[in-house]
């Protein structure tokens, strides 16, 4: 029996709170969850919203849904595929609808459509793995009522990459450290922030004025020490864009690996 109360996740000051993400459960369907997030100018680069910011909001929504399904166990992101299908304006609101696809014994699968101004801008598919409960596991947020994670938090006032602390090295390589801002419930990197690091490396490789159109990541392991390096390499490069692979590594192991498509 679980006798020791767990701390709530995400904690105050966390990236998920400073993005001002809101989650609202459907009143009639347990397998439907609504999310929203203001698309502040800090979440744009060269006129395009960062696809990884949308992935972070969706990872929060789909993750909360998966934890609610698997309680008292916890879940971890296994796989996330994010597609850009439209554009949005700075200052607009991103609104997501997450729907349960399958709740199995070991995995939870969902899909999310994200819109802005009534037009679809992204489509995301996610898979979560069940993790058995253990002492010290952070408690799931309650979703019997709407939750607004930006309340009392300071929004980002600098570009996303600067806020996270990404440092661009040679083309396709981005380095950063683990901080409380981006730490997940197990002490490693939050899944959406892994997408941010992958996007940063991909855009660094693709060059100025590029835009990430697709990002598919597999979450392989946790690495709680750092420093971290996100590396993008080209599989195909043309005047119109780059298709490549990306991996995020800590000091001990590869944390995330996947593929991307960037256009210019």
C-alpha atoms as a PDB file:
ATOM      1  CA  UNK A   1       0.000   0.000   0.000  1.00  0.00           C
ATOM      2  CA  UNK A   2       1.282   3.499  -0.867  1.00  0.00           C
ATOM      3  CA  UNK A   3       1.661   5.271   2.461  1.00  0.00           C
ATOM      4  CA  UNK A   4       3.944   8.186   1.646  1.00  0.00           C
ATOM      5  CA  UNK A   5       2.415  11.096  -0.288  1.00  0.00           C
ATOM      6  CA  UNK A   6       4.274  12.047  -3.443  1.00  0.00           C
ATOM      7  CA  UNK A   7       5.145  15.513  -4.633  1.00  0.00           C
ATOM      8  CA  UNK A   8       3.112  16.961  -7.469  1.00  0.00           C
ATOM      9  CA  UNK A   9       4.526  17.227 -10.968  1.00  0.00           C
ATOM     10  CA  UNK A  10       5.235  19.626 -12.604  1.00  0.00           C
ATOM     11  CA  UNK A  11       6.611  21.727  -9.742  1.00  0.00           C
ATOM     12  CA  UNK A  12       6.487  25.513  -9.564  1.00  0.00           C
ATOM     13  CA  UNK A  13       8.844  27.210 -12.021  1.00  0.00           C
ATOM     14  CA  UNK A  14       8.901  24.237 -14.390  1.00  0.00           C
ATOM     15  CA  UNK A  15       8.865  24.774 -18.156  1.00  0.00           C
ATOM     16  CA  UNK A  16       5.398  23.173 -18.369  1.00  0.00           C
ATOM     17  CA  UNK A  17       4.035  25.849 -16.050  1.00  0.00           C
ATOM     18  CA  UNK A  18       5.892  28.768 -17.618  1.00  0.00           C
ATOM     19  CA  UNK A  19       4.460  27.848 -21.018  1.00  0.00           C
ATOM     20  CA  UNK A  20       1.014  28.586 -19.509  1.00  0.00           C
ATOM     21  CA  UNK A  21      -0.418  25.231 -20.538  1.00  0.00           C
ATOM     22  CA  UNK A  22      -4.041  24.583 -19.595  1.00  0.00           C
ATOM     23  CA  UNK A  23      -5.752  21.172 -19.504  1.00  0.00           C
ATOM     24  CA  UNK A  24      -9.504  20.625 -19.481  1.00  0.00           C
ATOM     25  CA  UNK A  25     -11.128  17.179 -19.269  1.00  0.00           C
ATOM     26  CA  UNK A  26     -14.127  16.389 -21.428  1.00  0.00           C
ATOM     27  CA  UNK A  27     -17.315  16.382 -19.356  1.00  0.00           C
ATOM     28  CA  UNK A  28     -18.638  13.208 -20.966  1.00  0.00           C
ATOM     29  CA  UNK A  29     -15.703  11.182 -22.374  1.00  0.00           C
ATOM     30  CA  UNK A  30     -12.799  10.042 -20.204  1.00  0.00           C
ATOM     31  CA  UNK A  31     -10.697   9.432 -23.313  1.00  0.00           C
ATOM     32  CA  UNK A  32     -10.794  13.071 -24.449  1.00  0.00           C
ATOM     33  CA  UNK A  33      -8.684  15.911 -23.032  1.00  0.00           C
ATOM     34  CA  UNK A  34      -8.461  19.518 -24.218  1.00  0.00           C
ATOM     35  CA  UNK A  35      -5.289  21.598 -23.964  1.00  0.00           C
ATOM     36  CA  UNK A  36      -4.280  25.139 -24.799  1.00  0.00           C
ATOM     37  CA  UNK A  37      -1.210  27.342 -24.735  1.00  0.00           C
ATOM     38  CA  UNK A  38      -0.581  30.937 -25.806  1.00  0.00           C
ATOM     39  CA  UNK A  39       1.803  31.097 -28.743  1.00  0.00           C
ATOM     40  CA  UNK A  40       3.904  33.927 -27.390  1.00  0.00           C
ATOM     41  CA  UNK A  41       6.524  35.548 -29.671  1.00  0.00           C
ATOM     42  CA  UNK A  42       9.263  33.730 -27.711  1.00  0.00           C
ATOM     43  CA  UNK A  43       7.972  30.464 -29.215  1.00  0.00           C
ATOM     44  CA  UNK A  44       8.613  31.613 -32.811  1.00  0.00           C
ATOM     45  CA  UNK A  45      11.741  31.521 -34.929  1.00  0.00           C
ATOM     46  CA  UNK A  46      12.022  33.187 -38.344  1.00  0.00           C
ATOM     47  CA  UNK A  47       8.252  33.644 -38.481  1.00  0.00           C
ATOM     48  CA  UNK A  48       7.368  30.010 -37.719  1.00  0.00           C
ATOM     49  CA  UNK A  49       6.124  28.615 -34.421  1.00  0.00           C
ATOM     50  CA  UNK A  50       8.478  26.065 -32.946  1.00  0.00           C
ATOM     51  CA  UNK A  51       7.023  22.635 -33.591  1.00  0.00           C
ATOM     52  CA  UNK A  52       8.650  21.412 -30.391  1.00  0.00           C
ATOM     53  CA  UNK A  53       6.598  23.875 -28.313  1.00  0.00           C
ATOM     54  CA  UNK A  54       3.447  22.228 -29.659  1.00  0.00           C
ATOM     55  CA  UNK A  55       4.986  18.811 -28.949  1.00  0.00           C
ATOM     56  CA  UNK A  56       5.615  19.904 -25.357  1.00  0.00           C
ATOM     57  CA  UNK A  57       1.989  20.940 -24.818  1.00  0.00           C
ATOM     58  CA  UNK A  58       0.776  17.683 -26.334  1.00  0.00           C
ATOM     59  CA  UNK A  59       3.236  15.619 -24.298  1.00  0.00           C
ATOM     60  CA  UNK A  60       1.779  17.241 -21.192  1.00  0.00           C
ATOM     61  CA  UNK A  61      -1.820  16.542 -22.205  1.00  0.00           C
ATOM     62  CA  UNK A  62      -1.266  13.011 -23.484  1.00  0.00           C
ATOM     63  CA  UNK A  63       0.978  12.224 -20.541  1.00  0.00           C
ATOM     64  CA  UNK A  64      -1.614  13.352 -18.003  1.00  0.00           C
ATOM     65  CA  UNK A  65      -4.226  11.268 -19.798  1.00  0.00           C
ATOM     66  CA  UNK A  66      -1.976   8.196 -19.746  1.00  0.00           C
ATOM     67  CA  UNK A  67      -1.153   8.599 -16.050  1.00  0.00           C
ATOM     68  CA  UNK A  68      -4.844   8.936 -15.244  1.00  0.00           C
ATOM     69  CA  UNK A  69      -5.470   5.650 -17.023  1.00  0.00           C
ATOM     70  CA  UNK A  70      -2.590   3.755 -15.384  1.00  0.00           C
ATOM     71  CA  UNK A  71      -2.818   5.054 -11.783  1.00  0.00           C
ATOM     72  CA  UNK A  72      -1.342   4.328  -9.308  1.00  0.00           C
ATOM     73  CA  UNK A  73       1.441   3.544 -11.771  1.00  0.00           C
ATOM     74  CA  UNK A  74       3.245   6.217 -13.742  1.00  0.00           C
ATOM     75  CA  UNK A  75       4.084   6.451 -17.459  1.00  0.00           C
ATOM     76  CA  UNK A  76       6.981   7.603 -19.621  1.00  0.00           C
ATOM     77  CA  UNK A  77       6.939   8.846 -23.195  1.00  0.00           C
ATOM     78  CA  UNK A  78       8.058   6.089 -25.562  1.00  0.00           C
ATOM     79  CA  UNK A  79       7.329   7.564 -28.978  1.00  0.00           C
ATOM     80  CA  UNK A  80       6.060  10.886 -30.334  1.00  0.00           C
ATOM     81  CA  UNK A  81       5.506  11.922 -33.969  1.00  0.00           C
ATOM     82  CA  UNK A  82       4.682  15.601 -34.580  1.00  0.00           C
ATOM     83  CA  UNK A  83       3.549  16.960 -37.959  1.00  0.00           C
ATOM     84  CA  UNK A  84       3.240  20.633 -38.926  1.00  0.00           C
ATOM     85  CA  UNK A  85       0.060  21.010 -40.994  1.00  0.00           C
ATOM     86  CA  UNK A  86      -0.456  24.776 -40.808  1.00  0.00           C
ATOM     87  CA  UNK A  87       0.869  28.069 -39.476  1.00  0.00           C
ATOM     88  CA  UNK A  88      -0.137  30.406 -36.658  1.00  0.00           C
ATOM     89  CA  UNK A  89       0.387  34.019 -35.661  1.00  0.00           C
ATOM     90  CA  UNK A  90       2.369  35.218 -32.634  1.00  0.00           C
ATOM     91  CA  UNK A  91      -0.065  35.995 -29.841  1.00  0.00           C
ATOM     92  CA  UNK A  92      -2.621  33.433 -30.986  1.00  0.00           C
ATOM     93  CA  UNK A  93      -3.792  30.464 -28.915  1.00  0.00           C
ATOM     94  CA  UNK A  94      -2.861  26.858 -29.688  1.00  0.00           C
ATOM     95  CA  UNK A  95      -5.756  24.531 -28.831  1.00  0.00           C
ATOM     96  CA  UNK A  96      -5.377  20.757 -28.752  1.00  0.00           C
ATOM     97  CA  UNK A  97      -7.824  17.868 -28.622  1.00  0.00           C
ATOM     98  CA  UNK A  98      -6.221  14.651 -27.362  1.00  0.00           C
ATOM     99  CA  UNK A  99      -8.121  11.416 -27.915  1.00  0.00           C
ATOM    100  CA  UNK A 100      -7.317   7.993 -26.540  1.00  0.00           C
ATOM    101  CA  UNK A 101      -6.553   5.458 -29.268  1.00  0.00           C
ATOM    102  CA  UNK A 102      -5.697   2.422 -27.146  1.00  0.00           C
ATOM    103  CA  UNK A 103      -5.110   1.659 -23.488  1.00  0.00           C
ATOM    104  CA  UNK A 104      -3.229  -1.633 -23.294  1.00  0.00           C
ATOM    105  CA  UNK A 105      -1.577  -3.501 -20.441  1.00  0.00           C
ATOM    106  CA  UNK A 106       1.820  -1.912 -21.062  1.00  0.00           C
ATOM    107  CA  UNK A 107       1.195   1.047 -23.386  1.00  0.00           C
ATOM    108  CA  UNK A 108      -1.212   3.940 -23.878  1.00  0.00           C
ATOM    109  CA  UNK A 109      -1.618   5.412 -27.392  1.00  0.00           C
ATOM    110  CA  UNK A 110      -3.258   8.743 -28.203  1.00  0.00           C
ATOM    111  CA  UNK A 111      -3.615  11.224 -31.055  1.00  0.00           C
ATOM    112  CA  UNK A 112      -3.885  15.007 -30.849  1.00  0.00           C
ATOM    113  CA  UNK A 113      -5.006  17.633 -33.338  1.00  0.00           C
ATOM    114  CA  UNK A 114      -3.868  21.180 -32.581  1.00  0.00           C
ATOM    115  CA  UNK A 115      -5.570  24.252 -34.042  1.00  0.00           C
ATOM    116  CA  UNK A 116      -5.117  28.015 -33.902  1.00  0.00           C
ATOM    117  CA  UNK A 117      -7.755  30.500 -34.982  1.00  0.00           C
ATOM    118  CA  UNK A 118      -9.986  27.631 -36.037  1.00  0.00           C
ATOM    119  CA  UNK A 119      -7.379  26.184 -38.424  1.00  0.00           C
ATOM    120  CA  UNK A 120      -5.371  22.969 -37.810  1.00  0.00           C
ATOM    121  CA  UNK A 121      -1.650  23.599 -37.347  1.00  0.00           C
ATOM    122  CA  UNK A 122      -0.293  20.277 -36.021  1.00  0.00           C
ATOM    123  CA  UNK A 123      -1.085  16.595 -35.631  1.00  0.00           C
ATOM    124  CA  UNK A 124       0.683  14.460 -33.007  1.00  0.00           C
ATOM    125  CA  UNK A 125       0.705  10.732 -32.243  1.00  0.00           C
ATOM    126  CA  UNK A 126       2.079   9.528 -28.897  1.00  0.00           C
ATOM    127  CA  UNK A 127       2.801   6.251 -27.136  1.00  0.00           C
ATOM    128  CA  UNK A 128       3.451   5.934 -23.396  1.00  0.00           C
ATOM    129  CA  UNK A 129       4.941   3.012 -21.486  1.00  0.00           C
ATOM    130  CA  UNK A 130       3.626   2.025 -18.061  1.00  0.00           C
ATOM    131  CA  UNK A 131       6.096   2.340 -15.177  1.00  0.00           C
ATOM    132  CA  UNK A 132       5.309   0.491 -11.915  1.00  0.00           C
ATOM    133  CA  UNK A 133       4.758   2.762  -8.924  1.00  0.00           C
ATOM    134  CA  UNK A 134       7.667   3.099  -6.524  1.00  0.00           C
ATOM    135  CA  UNK A 135       8.420   5.141  -3.412  1.00  0.00           C
ATOM    136  CA  UNK A 136       8.932   8.805  -4.276  1.00  0.00           C
ATOM    137  CA  UNK A 137       7.046   8.720  -7.580  1.00  0.00           C
ATOM    138  CA  UNK A 138       5.602  12.154  -8.255  1.00  0.00           C
ATOM    139  CA  UNK A 139       1.823  12.302  -8.052  1.00  0.00           C
ATOM    140  CA  UNK A 140      -0.319  12.811 -11.135  1.00  0.00           C
ATOM    141  CA  UNK A 141      -2.146  16.103 -11.414  1.00  0.00           C
ATOM    142  CA  UNK A 142      -5.852  15.769 -10.774  1.00  0.00           C
ATOM    143  CA  UNK A 143      -7.941  15.987 -13.931  1.00  0.00           C
ATOM    144  CA  UNK A 144     -11.441  15.946 -12.539  1.00  0.00           C
ATOM    145  CA  UNK A 145     -11.500  19.678 -13.226  1.00  0.00           C
ATOM    146  CA  UNK A 146      -9.638  22.177 -15.440  1.00  0.00           C
ATOM    147  CA  UNK A 147      -6.029  22.922 -14.548  1.00  0.00           C
ATOM    148  CA  UNK A 148      -4.203  26.100 -15.562  1.00  0.00           C
ATOM    149  CA  UNK A 149      -0.504  25.589 -14.965  1.00  0.00           C
ATOM    150  CA  UNK A 150       0.511  29.188 -15.638  1.00  0.00           C
ATOM    151  CA  UNK A 151      -1.206  30.598 -12.582  1.00  0.00           C
ATOM    152  CA  UNK A 152       1.351  32.466 -10.474  1.00  0.00           C
ATOM    153  CA  UNK A 153       4.199  31.696 -12.880  1.00  0.00           C
ATOM    154  CA  UNK A 154       6.417  34.035 -14.891  1.00  0.00           C
ATOM    155  CA  UNK A 155       6.077  33.498 -18.644  1.00  0.00           C
ATOM    156  CA  UNK A 156       9.139  33.288 -20.842  1.00  0.00           C
ATOM    157  CA  UNK A 157      10.599  36.722 -21.607  1.00  0.00           C
ATOM    158  CA  UNK A 158      13.446  35.523 -23.840  1.00  0.00           C
ATOM    159  CA  UNK A 159      13.505  33.250 -26.915  1.00  0.00           C
ATOM    160  CA  UNK A 160      12.870  29.598 -26.085  1.00  0.00           C
ATOM    161  CA  UNK A 161      16.413  28.472 -26.909  1.00  0.00           C
ATOM    162  CA  UNK A 162      17.913  31.105 -24.597  1.00  0.00           C
ATOM    163  CA  UNK A 163      15.530  30.252 -21.765  1.00  0.00           C
ATOM    164  CA  UNK A 164      16.374  26.540 -21.901  1.00  0.00           C
ATOM    165  CA  UNK A 165      20.088  27.292 -22.227  1.00  0.00           C
ATOM    166  CA  UNK A 166      20.840  25.731 -25.621  1.00  0.00           C
ATOM    167  CA  UNK A 167      24.345  26.440 -26.893  1.00  0.00           C
ATOM    168  CA  UNK A 168      24.945  25.923 -30.604  1.00  0.00           C
ATOM    169  CA  UNK A 169      28.329  24.425 -31.424  1.00  0.00           C
ATOM    170  CA  UNK A 170      29.312  23.261 -34.916  1.00  0.00           C
ATOM    171  CA  UNK A 171      26.409  22.855 -37.391  1.00  0.00           C
ATOM    172  CA  UNK A 172      23.902  20.285 -36.139  1.00  0.00           C
ATOM    173  CA  UNK A 173      25.226  20.138 -32.577  1.00  0.00           C
ATOM    174  CA  UNK A 174      23.536  21.731 -29.554  1.00  0.00           C
ATOM    175  CA  UNK A 175      24.695  21.385 -25.946  1.00  0.00           C
ATOM    176  CA  UNK A 176      22.964  22.178 -22.634  1.00  0.00           C
ATOM    177  CA  UNK A 177      22.738  21.219 -18.966  1.00  0.00           C
ATOM    178  CA  UNK A 178      19.954  19.705 -16.894  1.00  0.00           C
ATOM    179  CA  UNK A 179      18.204  22.270 -14.680  1.00  0.00           C
ATOM    180  CA  UNK A 180      15.047  22.216 -12.524  1.00  0.00           C
ATOM    181  CA  UNK A 181      13.315  24.104 -15.350  1.00  0.00           C
ATOM    182  CA  UNK A 182      13.398  21.055 -17.652  1.00  0.00           C
ATOM    183  CA  UNK A 183      13.680  18.060 -15.298  1.00  0.00           C
ATOM    184  CA  UNK A 184      10.954  15.401 -15.524  1.00  0.00           C
ATOM    185  CA  UNK A 185       9.372  13.308 -12.765  1.00  0.00           C
ATOM    186  CA  UNK A 186      12.197  10.732 -12.820  1.00  0.00           C
ATOM    187  CA  UNK A 187      15.027  13.275 -12.716  1.00  0.00           C
ATOM    188  CA  UNK A 188      15.906  13.188 -16.424  1.00  0.00           C
ATOM    189  CA  UNK A 189      14.841  15.531 -19.250  1.00  0.00           C
ATOM    190  CA  UNK A 190      11.151  16.272 -19.785  1.00  0.00           C
ATOM    191  CA  UNK A 191       9.893  14.692 -23.014  1.00  0.00           C
ATOM    192  CA  UNK A 192       8.828  17.931 -24.670  1.00  0.00           C
ATOM    193  CA  UNK A 193      12.190  19.525 -23.894  1.00  0.00           C
ATOM    194  CA  UNK A 194      13.891  16.583 -25.593  1.00  0.00           C
ATOM    195  CA  UNK A 195      11.870  17.555 -28.667  1.00  0.00           C
ATOM    196  CA  UNK A 196      13.048  21.160 -28.249  1.00  0.00           C
ATOM    197  CA  UNK A 197      16.680  20.005 -28.193  1.00  0.00           C
ATOM    198  CA  UNK A 198      16.137  17.823 -31.257  1.00  0.00           C
ATOM    199  CA  UNK A 199      14.479  20.694 -33.125  1.00  0.00           C
ATOM    200  CA  UNK A 200      17.277  23.098 -32.191  1.00  0.00           C
ATOM    201  CA  UNK A 201      19.916  20.742 -33.594  1.00  0.00           C
ATOM    202  CA  UNK A 202      17.886  20.076 -36.762  1.00  0.00           C
ATOM    203  CA  UNK A 203      17.357  23.788 -37.453  1.00  0.00           C
ATOM    204  CA  UNK A 204      21.018  24.494 -36.727  1.00  0.00           C
ATOM    205  CA  UNK A 205      21.934  21.901 -39.362  1.00  0.00           C
ATOM    206  CA  UNK A 206      19.332  23.046 -41.906  1.00  0.00           C
ATOM    207  CA  UNK A 207      20.472  26.659 -41.680  1.00  0.00           C
ATOM    208  CA  UNK A 208      18.913  30.141 -41.395  1.00  0.00           C
ATOM    209  CA  UNK A 209      15.182  30.612 -42.098  1.00  0.00           C
ATOM    210  CA  UNK A 210      14.528  26.855 -41.914  1.00  0.00           C
ATOM    211  CA  UNK A 211      11.373  25.412 -40.376  1.00  0.00           C
ATOM    212  CA  UNK A 212      10.807  22.012 -38.802  1.00  0.00           C
ATOM    213  CA  UNK A 213       7.931  20.252 -40.571  1.00  0.00           C
ATOM    214  CA  UNK A 214       8.102  16.790 -38.987  1.00  0.00           C
ATOM    215  CA  UNK A 215       9.750  15.278 -35.923  1.00  0.00           C
ATOM    216  CA  UNK A 216       9.519  11.632 -34.850  1.00  0.00           C
ATOM    217  CA  UNK A 217      11.281  10.675 -31.633  1.00  0.00           C
ATOM    218  CA  UNK A 218      11.828   7.451 -29.700  1.00  0.00           C
ATOM    219  CA  UNK A 219      12.590   7.849 -26.001  1.00  0.00           C
ATOM    220  CA  UNK A 220      15.207   5.220 -25.209  1.00  0.00           C
ATOM    221  CA  UNK A 221      16.597   5.810 -21.727  1.00  0.00           C
ATOM    222  CA  UNK A 222      17.016   8.245 -18.861  1.00  0.00           C
ATOM    223  CA  UNK A 223      20.265  10.066 -18.139  1.00  0.00           C
ATOM    224  CA  UNK A 224      20.140  12.197 -15.000  1.00  0.00           C
ATOM    225  CA  UNK A 225      23.636  13.656 -15.042  1.00  0.00           C
ATOM    226  CA  UNK A 226      24.469  15.568 -18.221  1.00  0.00           C
ATOM    227  CA  UNK A 227      25.806  17.626 -19.843  1.00  0.00           C
ATOM    228  CA  UNK A 228      23.675  16.817 -22.874  1.00  0.00           C
ATOM    229  CA  UNK A 229      24.343  16.964 -26.594  1.00  0.00           C
ATOM    230  CA  UNK A 230      21.729  16.962 -29.351  1.00  0.00           C
ATOM    231  CA  UNK A 231      23.185  15.976 -32.727  1.00  0.00           C
ATOM    232  CA  UNK A 232      21.489  16.205 -36.142  1.00  0.00           C
ATOM    233  CA  UNK A 233      22.922  14.579 -39.262  1.00  0.00           C
ATOM    234  CA  UNK A 234      21.597  14.778 -42.821  1.00  0.00           C
ATOM    235  CA  UNK A 235      20.201  11.758 -44.622  1.00  0.00           C
ATOM    236  CA  UNK A 236      19.163  13.873 -47.611  1.00  0.00           C
ATOM    237  CA  UNK A 237      19.918  17.538 -48.268  1.00  0.00           C
ATOM    238  CA  UNK A 238      18.468  19.629 -51.108  1.00  0.00           C
ATOM    239  CA  UNK A 239      18.092  23.372 -51.799  1.00  0.00           C
ATOM    240  CA  UNK A 240      14.577  23.097 -50.356  1.00  0.00           C
ATOM    241  CA  UNK A 241      15.371  21.367 -47.079  1.00  0.00           C
ATOM    242  CA  UNK A 242      16.969  18.599 -45.058  1.00  0.00           C
ATOM    243  CA  UNK A 243      15.774  15.149 -43.998  1.00  0.00           C
ATOM    244  CA  UNK A 244      17.873  13.692 -41.240  1.00  0.00           C
ATOM    245  CA  UNK A 245      18.289  11.794 -38.027  1.00  0.00           C
ATOM    246  CA  UNK A 246      18.766  13.270 -34.587  1.00  0.00           C
ATOM    247  CA  UNK A 247      19.915  11.882 -31.268  1.00  0.00           C
ATOM    248  CA  UNK A 248      20.113  13.324 -27.781  1.00  0.00           C
ATOM    249  CA  UNK A 249      22.843  11.945 -25.536  1.00  0.00           C
ATOM    250  CA  UNK A 250      23.763  12.418 -21.906  1.00  0.00           C
ATOM    251  CA  UNK A 251      27.062  11.588 -20.282  1.00  0.00           C
ATOM    252  CA  UNK A 252      26.244   7.871 -20.117  1.00  0.00           C
ATOM    253  CA  UNK A 253      23.800   6.902 -22.870  1.00  0.00           C
ATOM    254  CA  UNK A 254      21.594   7.923 -25.791  1.00  0.00           C
ATOM    255  CA  UNK A 255      18.371   9.340 -24.373  1.00  0.00           C
ATOM    256  CA  UNK A 256      16.365  10.051 -27.525  1.00  0.00           C
ATOM    257  CA  UNK A 257      16.722   9.144 -31.192  1.00  0.00           C
ATOM    258  CA  UNK A 258      14.570   9.952 -34.212  1.00  0.00           C
ATOM    259  CA  UNK A 259      14.128  11.574 -37.609  1.00  0.00           C
ATOM    260  CA  UNK A 260      13.128  15.012 -38.842  1.00  0.00           C
ATOM    261  CA  UNK A 261      12.207  16.974 -41.957  1.00  0.00           C
ATOM    262  CA  UNK A 262      13.147  20.649 -42.166  1.00  0.00           C
ATOM    263  CA  UNK A 263      12.361  23.011 -45.061  1.00  0.00           C
ATOM    264  CA  UNK A 264      13.989  26.262 -46.046  1.00  0.00           C
END
